[in-house]
Amino acid sequence: MTAEWSRTVSADEAHRRAAGRRAYNLRRQLDASYRRAEVVRLLARYDLRPGVRARIAADLHVHPTTIGRDLAMILDHMEPSQTAGVEVS
């Protein structure tokens, strides 16, 4: 039995698939950028205190781990003087 994914496809189909993946990945990147902007906005409202990740996650309908990753990325892009004393757990 041959797996469907291993069959040879035409160049046109390969190009269409690649275009679909690019569009899908771009959409995910844009969604993540928008979500991170919302995380920053909500952090300004809630402040960094225990339970803030869960609260923001509930507001944005995502898992708290996603918010933790977003916070880590946000903090990585900030200047060291801006992150003094800030810890993401």
C-alpha atoms as a PDB file:
ATOM      1  CA  MET A   1       0.000   0.000   0.000  1.00  0.00           C
ATOM      2  CA  THR A   2       1.434   3.360  -1.045  1.00  0.00           C
ATOM      3  CA  ALA A   3       0.867   6.395   1.147  1.00  0.00           C
ATOM      4  CA  GLU A   4      -0.991   9.227  -0.556  1.00  0.00           C
ATOM      5  CA  TRP A   5       1.617  11.771   0.517  1.00  0.00           C
ATOM      6  CA  SER A   6       4.407   9.947  -1.303  1.00  0.00           C
ATOM      7  CA  ARG A   7       2.860  10.053  -4.776  1.00  0.00           C
ATOM      8  CA  THR A   8       4.521  12.312  -7.315  1.00  0.00           C
ATOM      9  CA  VAL A   9       2.648  15.541  -7.964  1.00  0.00           C
ATOM     10  CA  SER A  10       2.829  17.965 -10.853  1.00  0.00           C
ATOM     11  CA  ALA A  11       4.871  21.143 -10.580  1.00  0.00           C
ATOM     12  CA  ASP A  12       1.640  23.146 -10.658  1.00  0.00           C
ATOM     13  CA  GLU A  13       0.201  21.212  -7.718  1.00  0.00           C
ATOM     14  CA  ALA A  14       3.480  21.533  -5.789  1.00  0.00           C
ATOM     15  CA  HIS A  15       3.445  25.304  -6.378  1.00  0.00           C
ATOM     16  CA  ARG A  16      -0.174  25.583  -5.260  1.00  0.00           C
ATOM     17  CA  ARG A  17       0.568  23.585  -2.110  1.00  0.00           C
ATOM     18  CA  ALA A  18       3.587  25.772  -1.341  1.00  0.00           C
ATOM     19  CA  ALA A  19       1.503  28.906  -1.863  1.00  0.00           C
ATOM     20  CA  GLY A  20      -1.130  27.506   0.478  1.00  0.00           C
ATOM     21  CA  ARG A  21       1.484  26.810   3.155  1.00  0.00           C
ATOM     22  CA  ARG A  22       2.916  30.326   2.782  1.00  0.00           C
ATOM     23  CA  ALA A  23      -0.532  31.864   3.157  1.00  0.00           C
ATOM     24  CA  TYR A  24      -1.337  29.652   6.165  1.00  0.00           C
ATOM     25  CA  ASN A  25       1.968  30.453   7.878  1.00  0.00           C
ATOM     26  CA  LEU A  26       1.606  34.176   7.180  1.00  0.00           C
ATOM     27  CA  ARG A  27      -1.842  34.104   8.759  1.00  0.00           C
ATOM     28  CA  ARG A  28      -0.451  32.362  11.856  1.00  0.00           C
ATOM     29  CA  GLN A  29       2.381  34.914  12.116  1.00  0.00           C
ATOM     30  CA  LEU A  30      -0.048  37.822  11.812  1.00  0.00           C
ATOM     31  CA  ASP A  31      -2.345  36.259  14.432  1.00  0.00           C
ATOM     32  CA  ALA A  32       0.632  35.830  16.779  1.00  0.00           C
ATOM     33  CA  SER A  33       1.742  39.449  16.255  1.00  0.00           C
ATOM     34  CA  TYR A  34      -1.757  40.717  16.969  1.00  0.00           C
ATOM     35  CA  ARG A  35      -2.004  38.478  20.048  1.00  0.00           C
ATOM     36  CA  ARG A  36       1.352  39.745  21.370  1.00  0.00           C
ATOM     37  CA  ALA A  37       0.197  43.335  20.974  1.00  0.00           C
ATOM     38  CA  GLU A  38      -2.913  42.415  22.955  1.00  0.00           C
ATOM     39  CA  VAL A  39      -0.733  40.772  25.618  1.00  0.00           C
ATOM     40  CA  VAL A  40       1.211  44.021  26.017  1.00  0.00           C
ATOM     41  CA  ARG A  41      -2.030  45.996  26.231  1.00  0.00           C
ATOM     42  CA  LEU A  42      -3.488  43.637  28.824  1.00  0.00           C
ATOM     43  CA  LEU A  43      -0.250  43.628  30.831  1.00  0.00           C
ATOM     44  CA  ALA A  44      -0.549  47.393  31.119  1.00  0.00           C
ATOM     45  CA  ARG A  45      -4.020  46.860  32.546  1.00  0.00           C
ATOM     46  CA  TYR A  46      -3.334  43.877  34.842  1.00  0.00           C
ATOM     47  CA  ASP A  47       0.363  44.369  35.743  1.00  0.00           C
ATOM     48  CA  LEU A  48       2.755  41.453  36.236  1.00  0.00           C
ATOM     49  CA  ARG A  49       1.472  39.581  39.250  1.00  0.00           C
ATOM     50  CA  PRO A  50       0.602  35.978  40.034  1.00  0.00           C
ATOM     51  CA  GLY A  51      -2.150  34.626  37.809  1.00  0.00           C
ATOM     52  CA  VAL A  52      -1.763  37.244  35.082  1.00  0.00           C
ATOM     53  CA  ARG A  53      -0.845  34.661  32.432  1.00  0.00           C
ATOM     54  CA  ALA A  54      -3.993  32.659  33.131  1.00  0.00           C
ATOM     55  CA  ARG A  55      -6.127  35.798  33.116  1.00  0.00           C
ATOM     56  CA  ILE A  56      -4.704  37.051  29.817  1.00  0.00           C
ATOM     57  CA  ALA A  57      -5.011  33.550  28.330  1.00  0.00           C
ATOM     58  CA  ALA A  58      -8.675  33.442  29.313  1.00  0.00           C
ATOM     59  CA  ASP A  59      -9.259  36.892  27.808  1.00  0.00           C
ATOM     60  CA  LEU A  60      -7.605  35.871  24.518  1.00  0.00           C
ATOM     61  CA  HIS A  61      -8.996  32.296  24.480  1.00  0.00           C
ATOM     62  CA  VAL A  62      -5.583  30.616  24.314  1.00  0.00           C
ATOM     63  CA  HIS A  63      -3.613  28.322  26.624  1.00  0.00           C
ATOM     64  CA  PRO A  64      -1.533  29.987  29.386  1.00  0.00           C
ATOM     65  CA  THR A  65       1.591  28.369  27.908  1.00  0.00           C
ATOM     66  CA  THR A  66       1.005  30.395  24.737  1.00  0.00           C
ATOM     67  CA  ILE A  67       0.956  33.580  26.804  1.00  0.00           C
ATOM     68  CA  GLY A  68       4.151  32.478  28.574  1.00  0.00           C
ATOM     69  CA  ARG A  69       5.875  32.062  25.198  1.00  0.00           C
ATOM     70  CA  ASP A  70       4.551  35.431  24.064  1.00  0.00           C
ATOM     71  CA  LEU A  71       5.838  37.099  27.232  1.00  0.00           C
ATOM     72  CA  ALA A  72       9.247  35.484  26.795  1.00  0.00           C
ATOM     73  CA  MET A  73       9.427  36.765  23.211  1.00  0.00           C
ATOM     74  CA  ILE A  74       8.277  40.242  24.229  1.00  0.00           C
ATOM     75  CA  LEU A  75      10.881  40.408  26.988  1.00  0.00           C
ATOM     76  CA  ASP A  76      13.611  39.124  24.638  1.00  0.00           C
ATOM     77  CA  HIS A  77      12.958  42.093  22.347  1.00  0.00           C
ATOM     78  CA  MET A  78      13.114  44.674  25.112  1.00  0.00           C
ATOM     79  CA  GLU A  79      16.219  46.532  26.249  1.00  0.00           C
ATOM     80  CA  PRO A  80      17.868  45.095  29.391  1.00  0.00           C
ATOM     81  CA  SER A  81      17.074  48.283  31.330  1.00  0.00           C
ATOM     82  CA  GLN A  82      13.361  47.803  30.555  1.00  0.00           C
ATOM     83  CA  THR A  83      13.307  44.245  31.893  1.00  0.00           C
ATOM     84  CA  ALA A  84      15.167  44.794  35.171  1.00  0.00           C
ATOM     85  CA  GLY A  85      13.421  42.819  37.889  1.00  0.00           C
ATOM     86  CA  VAL A  86      10.907  41.200  35.512  1.00  0.00           C
ATOM     87  CA  GLU A  87      10.703  37.420  35.643  1.00  0.00           C
ATOM     88  CA  VAL A  88       8.397  35.219  33.597  1.00  0.00           C
ATOM     89  CA  SER A  89       7.662  31.927  35.283  1.00  0.00           C
END
